[in-house]
Amino acid sequence: MAWVEFGVVICLFLLSHALPVRPPLRPWLVARLGAGGFTLIYSLLSLALLVWLISAAGRMPHVPLWDTAPWQRHLPILAMGPACLILGFSLARPNPFSFGGASDADFDPARPGIIRWMRHPVPVALIIWAGAHLVANGDLAHVLLFGLFLVFALAGTVMIDRRRQHQMGARWQALAAMVAAGPAWPKPVSRTGAALRLFLGLCLYALLLALHPAAIGVSPWP
């Protein structure tokens, strides 16, 4: 039964990310929920399915694929700090190249923030999370779980680039060139806002550490 649950929740997770973002379903949902409501419900649904998927993997029969060394057990702790900071500096920020941001019309290529270093901060954070946990867990269920997320996030960056380039046309190339030509460390739109994003990223990291045993059933500490 554990394998059945694991397979079902994987299918639900993939469907929840494939169907709502495709036309004509997304415009239909946005028209009824509003852009903010769609983002909120989509995010909560994704989070709930993610927690269910991870907990289902924890209930799977343990089938070891490799032995883990002490350094591998420390890797998620070290990697999740940068991943949370990336999320803190990217969420609610205008980003015409990807998703998870505020109004794209407010994007200033002269002050792109974290977009100067990565067009897709949310998938990058997911890649860091999945890659670190894949290395730290050597059993079949977690290799399938985190390997799936790693491939999902890597493929997602390519698919999002293609979709955005098709939607934006020449504007995509122009904005990308302007961002790339800017300073390596662009000035923040607001120092207060940058400090708040840093604080939120650190709070997210602390919250994940605190809730990990209750939500996932495993202590994050080696």
N, C-alpha and C. Protein backbone atom coordinates (compact mmCIF):
# COMPACT_ATOMS: atom_id res chain seq x y z
N MET A 1 0.82 -1.22 0.00
CA MET A 1 0.00 0.00 0.00
C MET A 1 0.85 1.27 0.00
N ALA A 2 2.04 1.18 0.63
CA ALA A 2 2.90 2.36 0.68
C ALA A 2 3.33 2.78 -0.73
N TRP A 3 3.65 1.78 -1.57
CA TRP A 3 4.05 2.09 -2.94
C TRP A 3 2.88 2.69 -3.73
N VAL A 4 1.66 2.21 -3.45
CA VAL A 4 0.48 2.74 -4.14
C VAL A 4 0.27 4.21 -3.76
N GLU A 5 0.34 4.50 -2.46
CA GLU A 5 0.19 5.90 -2.01
C GLU A 5 1.26 6.78 -2.64
N PHE A 6 2.48 6.30 -2.66
CA PHE A 6 3.59 7.07 -3.22
C PHE A 6 3.34 7.37 -4.70
N GLY A 7 2.90 6.36 -5.44
CA GLY A 7 2.62 6.57 -6.86
C GLY A 7 1.46 7.52 -7.09
N VAL A 8 0.43 7.42 -6.26
CA VAL A 8 -0.74 8.29 -6.42
C VAL A 8 -0.38 9.74 -6.16
N VAL A 9 0.37 9.99 -5.10
CA VAL A 9 0.69 11.38 -4.76
C VAL A 9 1.67 11.97 -5.76
N ILE A 10 2.56 11.16 -6.34
CA ILE A 10 3.44 11.66 -7.40
C ILE A 10 2.61 12.10 -8.60
N CYS A 11 1.63 11.28 -8.99
CA CYS A 11 0.75 11.63 -10.12
C CYS A 11 -0.03 12.91 -9.83
N LEU A 12 -0.55 13.03 -8.60
CA LEU A 12 -1.30 14.23 -8.24
C LEU A 12 -0.42 15.48 -8.27
N PHE A 13 0.80 15.33 -7.77
CA PHE A 13 1.72 16.46 -7.75
C PHE A 13 2.05 16.92 -9.17
N LEU A 14 2.36 15.97 -10.04
CA LEU A 14 2.68 16.32 -11.42
C LEU A 14 1.49 16.95 -12.14
N LEU A 15 0.30 16.38 -11.92
CA LEU A 15 -0.90 16.94 -12.55
C LEU A 15 -1.20 18.35 -12.03
N SER A 16 -0.98 18.56 -10.72
CA SER A 16 -1.26 19.87 -10.14
C SER A 16 -0.33 20.95 -10.69
N HIS A 17 0.82 20.55 -11.21
CA HIS A 17 1.75 21.53 -11.79
C HIS A 17 1.64 21.61 -13.30
N ALA A 18 1.06 20.58 -13.92
CA ALA A 18 0.96 20.59 -15.38
C ALA A 18 -0.33 21.22 -15.87
N LEU A 19 -1.45 20.95 -15.18
CA LEU A 19 -2.75 21.38 -15.69
C LEU A 19 -3.07 22.85 -15.41
N PRO A 20 -2.95 23.35 -14.15
CA PRO A 20 -3.42 24.72 -13.89
C PRO A 20 -2.68 25.81 -14.63
N VAL A 21 -1.44 25.55 -15.09
CA VAL A 21 -0.68 26.61 -15.75
C VAL A 21 -0.85 26.62 -17.26
N ARG A 22 -1.61 25.69 -17.78
CA ARG A 22 -1.76 25.60 -19.23
C ARG A 22 -3.06 26.25 -19.69
N PRO A 23 -3.02 26.90 -20.86
CA PRO A 23 -4.28 27.41 -21.41
C PRO A 23 -5.12 26.25 -21.91
N PRO A 24 -6.46 26.36 -21.84
CA PRO A 24 -7.21 27.53 -21.38
C PRO A 24 -7.55 27.50 -19.89
N LEU A 25 -7.02 26.53 -19.13
CA LEU A 25 -7.42 26.40 -17.73
C LEU A 25 -6.91 27.56 -16.89
N ARG A 26 -5.66 27.99 -17.08
CA ARG A 26 -5.14 29.07 -16.25
C ARG A 26 -5.94 30.36 -16.41
N PRO A 27 -6.19 30.86 -17.63
CA PRO A 27 -7.01 32.08 -17.75
C PRO A 27 -8.38 31.93 -17.11
N TRP A 28 -8.96 30.74 -17.22
CA TRP A 28 -10.28 30.50 -16.62
C TRP A 28 -10.19 30.61 -15.10
N LEU A 29 -9.16 30.03 -14.51
CA LEU A 29 -9.00 30.10 -13.06
C LEU A 29 -8.67 31.52 -12.59
N VAL A 30 -7.79 32.20 -13.32
CA VAL A 30 -7.42 33.57 -12.93
C VAL A 30 -8.62 34.50 -13.01
N ALA A 31 -9.47 34.30 -14.01
CA ALA A 31 -10.66 35.15 -14.16
C ALA A 31 -11.61 35.00 -12.98
N ARG A 32 -11.64 33.83 -12.37
CA ARG A 32 -12.57 33.58 -11.26
C ARG A 32 -11.92 33.79 -9.88
N LEU A 33 -10.62 33.55 -9.78
CA LEU A 33 -9.94 33.68 -8.49
C LEU A 33 -9.16 34.98 -8.36
N GLY A 34 -8.88 35.64 -9.48
CA GLY A 34 -7.98 36.77 -9.47
C GLY A 34 -6.53 36.27 -9.50
N ALA A 35 -5.63 37.13 -9.96
CA ALA A 35 -4.23 36.71 -10.06
C ALA A 35 -3.65 36.34 -8.70
N GLY A 36 -3.95 37.18 -7.68
CA GLY A 36 -3.45 36.90 -6.34
C GLY A 36 -4.05 35.64 -5.75
N GLY A 37 -5.37 35.47 -5.94
CA GLY A 37 -6.04 34.27 -5.42
C GLY A 37 -5.54 33.00 -6.08
N PHE A 38 -5.30 33.07 -7.39
CA PHE A 38 -4.77 31.91 -8.10
C PHE A 38 -3.39 31.54 -7.57
N THR A 39 -2.52 32.54 -7.39
CA THR A 39 -1.16 32.28 -6.89
C THR A 39 -1.20 31.70 -5.50
N LEU A 40 -2.08 32.25 -4.64
CA LEU A 40 -2.17 31.77 -3.26
C LEU A 40 -2.65 30.32 -3.20
N ILE A 41 -3.74 30.03 -3.88
CA ILE A 41 -4.30 28.67 -3.85
C ILE A 41 -3.34 27.68 -4.51
N TYR A 42 -2.74 28.08 -5.60
CA TYR A 42 -1.77 27.21 -6.29
C TYR A 42 -0.58 26.91 -5.38
N SER A 43 -0.10 27.92 -4.66
CA SER A 43 1.04 27.74 -3.75
C SER A 43 0.68 26.83 -2.58
N LEU A 44 -0.51 27.05 -1.98
CA LEU A 44 -0.92 26.22 -0.85
C LEU A 44 -1.14 24.77 -1.28
N LEU A 45 -1.73 24.58 -2.46
CA LEU A 45 -1.93 23.22 -2.97
C LEU A 45 -0.59 22.53 -3.22
N SER A 46 0.34 23.25 -3.81
CA SER A 46 1.66 22.68 -4.07
C SER A 46 2.36 22.33 -2.78
N LEU A 47 2.27 23.20 -1.77
CA LEU A 47 2.91 22.94 -0.49
C LEU A 47 2.30 21.72 0.19
N ALA A 48 0.97 21.62 0.17
CA ALA A 48 0.30 20.49 0.81
C ALA A 48 0.69 19.17 0.13
N LEU A 49 0.73 19.17 -1.20
CA LEU A 49 1.10 17.95 -1.92
C LEU A 49 2.57 17.61 -1.70
N LEU A 50 3.41 18.64 -1.58
CA LEU A 50 4.83 18.42 -1.32
C LEU A 50 5.03 17.74 0.03
N VAL A 51 4.35 18.25 1.07
CA VAL A 51 4.47 17.65 2.41
C VAL A 51 3.95 16.22 2.39
N TRP A 52 2.83 16.00 1.71
CA TRP A 52 2.28 14.64 1.62
C TRP A 52 3.24 13.71 0.89
N LEU A 53 3.84 14.20 -0.19
CA LEU A 53 4.76 13.38 -0.97
C LEU A 53 5.98 12.99 -0.16
N ILE A 54 6.54 13.94 0.58
CA ILE A 54 7.73 13.65 1.39
C ILE A 54 7.39 12.69 2.52
N SER A 55 6.23 12.90 3.17
CA SER A 55 5.84 11.99 4.25
C SER A 55 5.54 10.59 3.72
N ALA A 56 4.97 10.50 2.51
CA ALA A 56 4.71 9.19 1.90
C ALA A 56 6.02 8.47 1.60
N ALA A 57 7.02 9.22 1.15
CA ALA A 57 8.33 8.61 0.89
C ALA A 57 8.94 8.09 2.18
N GLY A 58 8.69 8.78 3.30
CA GLY A 58 9.22 8.32 4.58
C GLY A 58 8.59 7.04 5.08
N ARG A 59 7.39 6.72 4.59
CA ARG A 59 6.71 5.49 5.00
C ARG A 59 7.01 4.31 4.07
N MET A 60 7.80 4.56 3.06
CA MET A 60 8.13 3.50 2.10
C MET A 60 9.09 2.50 2.73
N PRO A 61 9.07 1.23 2.26
CA PRO A 61 10.07 0.27 2.72
C PRO A 61 11.48 0.76 2.41
N HIS A 62 12.38 0.56 3.36
CA HIS A 62 13.75 1.08 3.20
C HIS A 62 14.54 0.13 2.30
N VAL A 63 14.90 0.64 1.13
CA VAL A 63 15.71 -0.13 0.18
C VAL A 63 16.99 0.65 -0.07
N PRO A 64 18.07 0.34 0.63
CA PRO A 64 19.30 1.14 0.50
C PRO A 64 19.95 0.97 -0.86
N LEU A 65 20.42 2.10 -1.41
CA LEU A 65 21.16 2.08 -2.67
C LEU A 65 22.63 2.40 -2.47
N TRP A 66 22.94 3.21 -1.47
CA TRP A 66 24.33 3.48 -1.11
C TRP A 66 24.41 3.88 0.35
N ASP A 67 25.59 3.72 0.91
CA ASP A 67 25.84 4.14 2.29
C ASP A 67 26.12 5.64 2.32
N THR A 68 25.67 6.29 3.39
CA THR A 68 25.86 7.73 3.51
C THR A 68 26.98 8.02 4.50
N ALA A 69 27.85 8.94 4.12
CA ALA A 69 28.95 9.39 4.97
C ALA A 69 28.47 10.56 5.82
N PRO A 70 29.19 10.89 6.91
CA PRO A 70 28.77 12.01 7.77
C PRO A 70 28.61 13.33 7.01
N TRP A 71 29.50 13.62 6.05
CA TRP A 71 29.40 14.90 5.34
C TRP A 71 28.10 14.99 4.55
N GLN A 72 27.59 13.85 4.08
CA GLN A 72 26.35 13.87 3.32
C GLN A 72 25.16 14.27 4.20
N ARG A 73 25.20 13.89 5.46
CA ARG A 73 24.10 14.24 6.36
C ARG A 73 24.11 15.73 6.72
N HIS A 74 25.27 16.38 6.61
CA HIS A 74 25.34 17.81 6.88
C HIS A 74 24.95 18.66 5.66
N LEU A 75 24.95 18.05 4.48
CA LEU A 75 24.75 18.82 3.27
C LEU A 75 23.40 19.54 3.22
N PRO A 76 22.26 18.91 3.57
CA PRO A 76 20.99 19.65 3.52
C PRO A 76 20.97 20.86 4.43
N ILE A 77 21.54 20.74 5.64
CA ILE A 77 21.58 21.88 6.56
C ILE A 77 22.32 23.05 5.93
N LEU A 78 23.45 22.76 5.30
CA LEU A 78 24.27 23.81 4.70
C LEU A 78 23.61 24.39 3.44
N ALA A 79 22.99 23.53 2.66
CA ALA A 79 22.44 23.98 1.38
C ALA A 79 21.14 24.76 1.52
N MET A 80 20.35 24.44 2.54
CA MET A 80 19.03 25.07 2.65
C MET A 80 19.11 26.53 3.07
N GLY A 81 20.21 26.94 3.69
CA GLY A 81 20.37 28.36 4.01
C GLY A 81 20.37 29.21 2.75
N PRO A 82 21.28 28.94 1.78
CA PRO A 82 21.23 29.70 0.53
C PRO A 82 19.92 29.55 -0.23
N ALA A 83 19.32 28.35 -0.20
CA ALA A 83 18.05 28.15 -0.91
C ALA A 83 16.97 29.06 -0.32
N CYS A 84 16.91 29.17 0.99
CA CYS A 84 15.90 30.03 1.63
C CYS A 84 16.17 31.50 1.35
N LEU A 85 17.43 31.90 1.30
CA LEU A 85 17.76 33.29 0.98
C LEU A 85 17.37 33.61 -0.46
N ILE A 86 17.57 32.67 -1.37
CA ILE A 86 17.15 32.87 -2.76
C ILE A 86 15.64 33.09 -2.83
N LEU A 87 14.89 32.28 -2.08
CA LEU A 87 13.44 32.47 -2.05
C LEU A 87 13.06 33.81 -1.44
N GLY A 88 13.74 34.17 -0.36
CA GLY A 88 13.44 35.44 0.30
C GLY A 88 13.66 36.63 -0.61
N PHE A 89 14.72 36.59 -1.42
CA PHE A 89 15.04 37.71 -2.31
C PHE A 89 14.28 37.66 -3.64
N SER A 90 13.52 36.60 -3.87
CA SER A 90 12.84 36.48 -5.17
C SER A 90 11.32 36.58 -5.09
N LEU A 91 10.71 36.08 -4.03
CA LEU A 91 9.26 36.08 -3.96
C LEU A 91 8.71 37.49 -3.90
N ALA A 92 7.61 37.71 -4.62
CA ALA A 92 6.93 39.01 -4.71
C ALA A 92 7.80 40.05 -5.41
N ARG A 93 8.84 39.63 -6.11
CA ARG A 93 9.66 40.55 -6.90
C ARG A 93 9.24 40.43 -8.37
N PRO A 94 9.05 41.55 -9.06
CA PRO A 94 8.70 41.47 -10.48
C PRO A 94 9.77 40.70 -11.26
N ASN A 95 9.33 39.73 -12.06
CA ASN A 95 10.26 38.91 -12.82
C ASN A 95 9.58 38.44 -14.10
N PRO A 96 9.79 39.15 -15.20
CA PRO A 96 9.13 38.75 -16.45
C PRO A 96 9.69 37.47 -17.05
N PHE A 97 10.83 36.97 -16.52
CA PHE A 97 11.46 35.78 -17.09
C PHE A 97 10.92 34.48 -16.50
N SER A 98 10.28 34.55 -15.33
CA SER A 98 9.90 33.32 -14.65
C SER A 98 8.57 33.51 -13.95
N PHE A 99 8.34 32.75 -12.87
CA PHE A 99 7.09 32.82 -12.14
C PHE A 99 7.39 33.06 -10.66
N GLY A 100 6.34 33.28 -9.90
CA GLY A 100 6.50 33.48 -8.47
C GLY A 100 6.74 34.91 -8.06
N GLY A 101 6.63 35.85 -9.01
CA GLY A 101 6.92 37.23 -8.69
C GLY A 101 5.68 38.11 -8.69
N ALA A 102 5.92 39.42 -8.55
CA ALA A 102 4.83 40.39 -8.56
C ALA A 102 4.56 40.81 -10.00
N SER A 103 3.97 41.98 -10.18
CA SER A 103 3.60 42.45 -11.52
C SER A 103 4.84 42.60 -12.39
N ASP A 104 4.85 41.92 -13.53
CA ASP A 104 6.00 41.99 -14.43
C ASP A 104 6.18 43.38 -15.00
N ALA A 105 5.10 44.15 -15.07
CA ALA A 105 5.19 45.50 -15.62
C ALA A 105 6.05 46.40 -14.75
N ASP A 106 6.24 46.07 -13.49
CA ASP A 106 7.04 46.89 -12.57
C ASP A 106 8.51 46.51 -12.59
N PHE A 107 8.92 45.57 -13.42
CA PHE A 107 10.31 45.13 -13.45
C PHE A 107 11.21 46.23 -14.01
N ASP A 108 12.28 46.51 -13.28
CA ASP A 108 13.26 47.52 -13.69
C ASP A 108 14.56 46.81 -14.02
N PRO A 109 14.93 46.68 -15.31
CA PRO A 109 16.16 45.96 -15.66
C PRO A 109 17.42 46.63 -15.13
N ALA A 110 17.33 47.90 -14.75
CA ALA A 110 18.50 48.58 -14.16
C ALA A 110 18.71 48.15 -12.71
N ARG A 111 17.65 47.68 -12.06
CA ARG A 111 17.74 47.21 -10.68
C ARG A 111 17.00 45.87 -10.58
N PRO A 112 17.59 44.84 -11.14
CA PRO A 112 16.89 43.56 -11.21
C PRO A 112 16.96 42.72 -9.95
N GLY A 113 17.80 43.13 -9.01
CA GLY A 113 17.96 42.32 -7.79
C GLY A 113 18.57 40.96 -8.11
N ILE A 114 18.01 39.93 -7.52
CA ILE A 114 18.55 38.58 -7.69
C ILE A 114 18.42 38.07 -9.12
N ILE A 115 17.55 38.69 -9.92
CA ILE A 115 17.38 38.30 -11.31
C ILE A 115 18.66 38.54 -12.10
N ARG A 116 19.55 39.39 -11.59
CA ARG A 116 20.84 39.63 -12.26
C ARG A 116 21.66 38.34 -12.33
N TRP A 117 21.49 37.47 -11.34
CA TRP A 117 22.31 36.25 -11.25
C TRP A 117 21.56 35.00 -11.72
N MET A 118 20.25 35.03 -11.68
CA MET A 118 19.47 33.85 -12.10
C MET A 118 18.09 34.28 -12.56
N ARG A 119 17.69 33.80 -13.73
CA ARG A 119 16.37 34.17 -14.24
C ARG A 119 15.25 33.45 -13.50
N HIS A 120 15.56 32.29 -12.93
CA HIS A 120 14.52 31.45 -12.32
C HIS A 120 14.89 31.12 -10.87
N PRO A 121 14.76 32.07 -9.96
CA PRO A 121 15.19 31.83 -8.57
C PRO A 121 14.44 30.69 -7.88
N VAL A 122 13.13 30.60 -8.09
CA VAL A 122 12.36 29.55 -7.41
C VAL A 122 12.80 28.16 -7.87
N PRO A 123 12.89 27.89 -9.18
CA PRO A 123 13.42 26.59 -9.58
C PRO A 123 14.85 26.34 -9.12
N VAL A 124 15.68 27.38 -9.06
CA VAL A 124 17.06 27.21 -8.57
C VAL A 124 17.04 26.77 -7.11
N ALA A 125 16.19 27.39 -6.29
CA ALA A 125 16.08 26.98 -4.89
C ALA A 125 15.60 25.53 -4.80
N LEU A 126 14.68 25.14 -5.68
CA LEU A 126 14.20 23.76 -5.70
C LEU A 126 15.32 22.80 -6.11
N ILE A 127 16.15 23.21 -7.05
CA ILE A 127 17.28 22.38 -7.47
C ILE A 127 18.25 22.17 -6.31
N ILE A 128 18.54 23.23 -5.57
CA ILE A 128 19.44 23.11 -4.42
C ILE A 128 18.85 22.17 -3.38
N TRP A 129 17.56 22.36 -3.08
CA TRP A 129 16.88 21.52 -2.09
C TRP A 129 16.90 20.06 -2.51
N ALA A 130 16.50 19.79 -3.74
CA ALA A 130 16.42 18.40 -4.21
C ALA A 130 17.79 17.76 -4.32
N GLY A 131 18.76 18.51 -4.85
CA GLY A 131 20.10 17.95 -5.01
C GLY A 131 20.75 17.61 -3.69
N ALA A 132 20.63 18.51 -2.70
CA ALA A 132 21.24 18.26 -1.40
C ALA A 132 20.60 17.07 -0.70
N HIS A 133 19.28 16.97 -0.77
CA HIS A 133 18.58 15.85 -0.12
C HIS A 133 18.77 14.53 -0.88
N LEU A 134 18.97 14.62 -2.18
CA LEU A 134 19.25 13.40 -2.95
C LEU A 134 20.57 12.78 -2.51
N VAL A 135 21.59 13.63 -2.34
CA VAL A 135 22.90 13.13 -1.91
C VAL A 135 22.84 12.56 -0.50
N ALA A 136 22.03 13.19 0.35
CA ALA A 136 22.00 12.80 1.77
C ALA A 136 21.16 11.57 2.04
N ASN A 137 20.31 11.18 1.09
CA ASN A 137 19.44 10.02 1.30
C ASN A 137 19.76 8.96 0.25
N GLY A 138 20.21 7.82 0.72
CA GLY A 138 20.64 6.79 -0.21
C GLY A 138 19.68 5.64 -0.39
N ASP A 139 18.39 5.82 -0.03
CA ASP A 139 17.42 4.74 -0.20
C ASP A 139 16.57 4.99 -1.44
N LEU A 140 15.95 3.94 -1.95
CA LEU A 140 15.25 3.99 -3.22
C LEU A 140 14.14 5.03 -3.24
N ALA A 141 13.30 5.06 -2.21
CA ALA A 141 12.16 5.97 -2.21
C ALA A 141 12.59 7.42 -2.29
N HIS A 142 13.61 7.80 -1.50
CA HIS A 142 14.04 9.20 -1.50
C HIS A 142 14.86 9.55 -2.74
N VAL A 143 15.55 8.58 -3.30
CA VAL A 143 16.23 8.83 -4.57
C VAL A 143 15.20 9.11 -5.67
N LEU A 144 14.12 8.32 -5.69
CA LEU A 144 13.05 8.58 -6.65
C LEU A 144 12.41 9.94 -6.40
N LEU A 145 12.15 10.25 -5.13
CA LEU A 145 11.50 11.51 -4.78
C LEU A 145 12.34 12.71 -5.18
N PHE A 146 13.56 12.79 -4.66
CA PHE A 146 14.38 13.98 -4.91
C PHE A 146 14.94 13.99 -6.32
N GLY A 147 15.15 12.80 -6.91
CA GLY A 147 15.55 12.77 -8.32
C GLY A 147 14.46 13.32 -9.21
N LEU A 148 13.20 12.99 -8.89
CA LEU A 148 12.07 13.52 -9.65
C LEU A 148 12.03 15.04 -9.57
N PHE A 149 12.19 15.58 -8.36
CA PHE A 149 12.16 17.04 -8.20
C PHE A 149 13.33 17.70 -8.91
N LEU A 150 14.49 17.07 -8.87
CA LEU A 150 15.66 17.65 -9.52
C LEU A 150 15.45 17.74 -11.03
N VAL A 151 14.98 16.65 -11.63
CA VAL A 151 14.70 16.66 -13.07
C VAL A 151 13.57 17.64 -13.39
N PHE A 152 12.55 17.65 -12.54
CA PHE A 152 11.40 18.54 -12.72
C PHE A 152 11.84 20.00 -12.74
N ALA A 153 12.71 20.39 -11.80
CA ALA A 153 13.16 21.78 -11.72
C ALA A 153 14.10 22.14 -12.86
N LEU A 154 15.01 21.23 -13.21
CA LEU A 154 15.94 21.50 -14.31
C LEU A 154 15.19 21.64 -15.63
N ALA A 155 14.26 20.71 -15.89
CA ALA A 155 13.47 20.79 -17.11
C ALA A 155 12.57 22.02 -17.10
N GLY A 156 12.10 22.39 -15.90
CA GLY A 156 11.21 23.55 -15.80
C GLY A 156 11.87 24.84 -16.24
N THR A 157 13.15 25.03 -15.91
CA THR A 157 13.83 26.26 -16.32
C THR A 157 13.88 26.38 -17.84
N VAL A 158 14.12 25.26 -18.52
CA VAL A 158 14.17 25.26 -19.98
C VAL A 158 12.78 25.54 -20.55
N MET A 159 11.77 24.89 -20.00
CA MET A 159 10.41 25.08 -20.50
C MET A 159 9.90 26.50 -20.27
N ILE A 160 10.22 27.06 -19.10
CA ILE A 160 9.79 28.43 -18.81
C ILE A 160 10.46 29.42 -19.75
N ASP A 161 11.77 29.22 -20.01
CA ASP A 161 12.47 30.09 -20.96
C ASP A 161 11.80 30.06 -22.33
N ARG A 162 11.49 28.88 -22.81
CA ARG A 162 10.86 28.76 -24.13
C ARG A 162 9.50 29.43 -24.16
N ARG A 163 8.72 29.22 -23.09
CA ARG A 163 7.37 29.79 -23.04
C ARG A 163 7.44 31.31 -22.98
N ARG A 164 8.32 31.85 -22.14
CA ARG A 164 8.43 33.30 -22.00
C ARG A 164 8.95 33.94 -23.29
N GLN A 165 9.93 33.30 -23.92
CA GLN A 165 10.44 33.86 -25.17
C GLN A 165 9.35 33.88 -26.24
N HIS A 166 8.53 32.84 -26.27
CA HIS A 166 7.42 32.80 -27.24
C HIS A 166 6.40 33.88 -26.93
N GLN A 167 6.11 34.10 -25.64
CA GLN A 167 5.11 35.08 -25.25
C GLN A 167 5.60 36.52 -25.45
N MET A 168 6.88 36.78 -25.13
CA MET A 168 7.40 38.14 -25.10
C MET A 168 8.09 38.55 -26.40
N GLY A 169 8.50 37.58 -27.20
CA GLY A 169 9.16 37.91 -28.46
C GLY A 169 10.47 38.64 -28.25
N ALA A 170 10.67 39.72 -29.01
CA ALA A 170 11.93 40.46 -28.97
C ALA A 170 12.14 41.13 -27.61
N ARG A 171 11.08 41.40 -26.88
CA ARG A 171 11.23 42.05 -25.58
C ARG A 171 12.02 41.18 -24.62
N TRP A 172 11.87 39.85 -24.73
CA TRP A 172 12.62 38.94 -23.84
C TRP A 172 14.12 39.12 -24.06
N GLN A 173 14.55 39.13 -25.31
CA GLN A 173 15.97 39.30 -25.62
C GLN A 173 16.48 40.66 -25.16
N ALA A 174 15.68 41.70 -25.35
CA ALA A 174 16.10 43.04 -24.97
C ALA A 174 16.27 43.15 -23.45
N LEU A 175 15.29 42.63 -22.70
CA LEU A 175 15.39 42.69 -21.24
C LEU A 175 16.56 41.85 -20.73
N ALA A 176 16.75 40.66 -21.31
CA ALA A 176 17.85 39.80 -20.88
C ALA A 176 19.19 40.48 -21.12
N ALA A 177 19.33 41.16 -22.25
CA ALA A 177 20.58 41.85 -22.56
C ALA A 177 20.81 43.02 -21.61
N MET A 178 19.77 43.74 -21.26
CA MET A 178 19.89 44.87 -20.33
C MET A 178 20.30 44.39 -18.94
N VAL A 179 19.70 43.30 -18.49
CA VAL A 179 20.03 42.76 -17.18
C VAL A 179 21.48 42.27 -17.15
N ALA A 180 21.90 41.56 -18.20
CA ALA A 180 23.25 41.02 -18.26
C ALA A 180 24.30 42.11 -18.34
N ALA A 181 23.94 43.27 -18.94
CA ALA A 181 24.89 44.36 -19.09
C ALA A 181 25.03 45.21 -17.83
N GLY A 182 24.17 44.99 -16.87
CA GLY A 182 24.21 45.77 -15.64
C GLY A 182 25.34 45.36 -14.72
N PRO A 183 25.52 46.07 -13.61
CA PRO A 183 26.59 45.74 -12.65
C PRO A 183 26.36 44.37 -12.03
N ALA A 184 27.47 43.70 -11.67
CA ALA A 184 27.37 42.37 -11.08
C ALA A 184 26.62 42.41 -9.76
N TRP A 185 26.74 43.52 -9.03
CA TRP A 185 26.02 43.69 -7.76
C TRP A 185 25.12 44.92 -7.88
N PRO A 186 23.94 44.75 -8.46
CA PRO A 186 23.05 45.90 -8.67
C PRO A 186 22.57 46.50 -7.35
N LYS A 187 22.35 47.78 -7.38
CA LYS A 187 21.84 48.46 -6.19
C LYS A 187 20.39 48.04 -5.95
N PRO A 188 20.03 47.83 -4.68
CA PRO A 188 18.63 47.46 -4.40
C PRO A 188 17.70 48.63 -4.62
N VAL A 189 16.47 48.33 -4.97
CA VAL A 189 15.46 49.38 -5.11
C VAL A 189 15.28 50.09 -3.78
N SER A 190 15.34 49.33 -2.70
CA SER A 190 15.19 49.88 -1.35
C SER A 190 16.07 49.08 -0.40
N ARG A 191 16.93 49.76 0.36
CA ARG A 191 17.76 49.06 1.33
C ARG A 191 16.90 48.43 2.42
N THR A 192 15.83 49.12 2.78
CA THR A 192 14.91 48.56 3.77
C THR A 192 14.27 47.28 3.24
N GLY A 193 13.84 47.34 1.96
CA GLY A 193 13.25 46.16 1.35
C GLY A 193 14.23 45.01 1.26
N ALA A 194 15.49 45.30 0.92
CA ALA A 194 16.51 44.25 0.84
C ALA A 194 16.75 43.62 2.21
N ALA A 195 16.80 44.48 3.24
CA ALA A 195 17.00 43.96 4.60
C ALA A 195 15.81 43.10 5.03
N LEU A 196 14.60 43.52 4.64
CA LEU A 196 13.41 42.74 4.99
C LEU A 196 13.43 41.39 4.29
N ARG A 197 13.85 41.36 3.03
CA ARG A 197 13.93 40.09 2.30
C ARG A 197 14.97 39.17 2.92
N LEU A 198 16.08 39.75 3.34
CA LEU A 198 17.10 38.95 4.03
C LEU A 198 16.53 38.36 5.31
N PHE A 199 15.81 39.16 6.06
CA PHE A 199 15.19 38.70 7.30
C PHE A 199 14.17 37.60 7.04
N LEU A 200 13.36 37.76 6.00
CA LEU A 200 12.35 36.75 5.68
C LEU A 200 13.00 35.44 5.25
N GLY A 201 14.09 35.53 4.50
CA GLY A 201 14.80 34.32 4.10
C GLY A 201 15.36 33.57 5.30
N LEU A 202 15.93 34.31 6.25
CA LEU A 202 16.46 33.68 7.47
C LEU A 202 15.33 33.10 8.32
N CYS A 203 14.20 33.81 8.38
CA CYS A 203 13.05 33.29 9.13
C CYS A 203 12.53 32.00 8.49
N LEU A 204 12.49 31.96 7.16
CA LEU A 204 12.04 30.75 6.47
C LEU A 204 12.97 29.58 6.80
N TYR A 205 14.27 29.83 6.82
CA TYR A 205 15.24 28.80 7.16
C TYR A 205 15.01 28.27 8.57
N ALA A 206 14.83 29.20 9.51
CA ALA A 206 14.59 28.81 10.90
C ALA A 206 13.27 28.05 11.04
N LEU A 207 12.25 28.49 10.30
CA LEU A 207 10.95 27.83 10.37
C LEU A 207 11.02 26.41 9.82
N LEU A 208 11.74 26.22 8.73
CA LEU A 208 11.89 24.87 8.17
C LEU A 208 12.62 23.95 9.15
N LEU A 209 13.64 24.45 9.80
CA LEU A 209 14.36 23.64 10.78
C LEU A 209 13.45 23.27 11.95
N ALA A 210 12.62 24.23 12.38
CA ALA A 210 11.77 23.99 13.54
C ALA A 210 10.62 23.03 13.21
N LEU A 211 10.05 23.15 12.00
CA LEU A 211 8.88 22.35 11.65
C LEU A 211 9.24 21.01 11.01
N HIS A 212 10.49 20.83 10.63
CA HIS A 212 10.89 19.62 9.92
C HIS A 212 10.52 18.34 10.68
N PRO A 213 10.79 18.23 11.98
CA PRO A 213 10.43 16.97 12.67
C PRO A 213 8.93 16.70 12.66
N ALA A 214 8.10 17.73 12.87
CA ALA A 214 6.66 17.54 12.92
C ALA A 214 6.07 17.30 11.54
N ALA A 215 6.54 18.06 10.53
CA ALA A 215 5.94 17.97 9.20
C ALA A 215 6.45 16.76 8.42
N ILE A 216 7.73 16.46 8.59
CA ILE A 216 8.35 15.40 7.78
C ILE A 216 8.55 14.13 8.58
N GLY A 217 8.66 14.26 9.92
CA GLY A 217 8.86 13.08 10.76
C GLY A 217 10.31 12.73 10.98
N VAL A 218 11.24 13.59 10.54
CA VAL A 218 12.67 13.34 10.68
C VAL A 218 13.34 14.62 11.13
N SER A 219 14.27 14.52 12.08
CA SER A 219 15.01 15.71 12.50
C SER A 219 15.96 16.14 11.40
N PRO A 220 16.08 17.44 11.14
CA PRO A 220 17.01 17.90 10.10
C PRO A 220 18.46 17.86 10.55
N TRP A 221 18.69 17.72 11.85
CA TRP A 221 20.04 17.74 12.37
C TRP A 221 20.71 16.38 12.21
N PRO A 222 21.96 16.34 11.78
CA PRO A 222 22.66 15.05 11.62
C PRO A 222 22.75 14.31 12.95
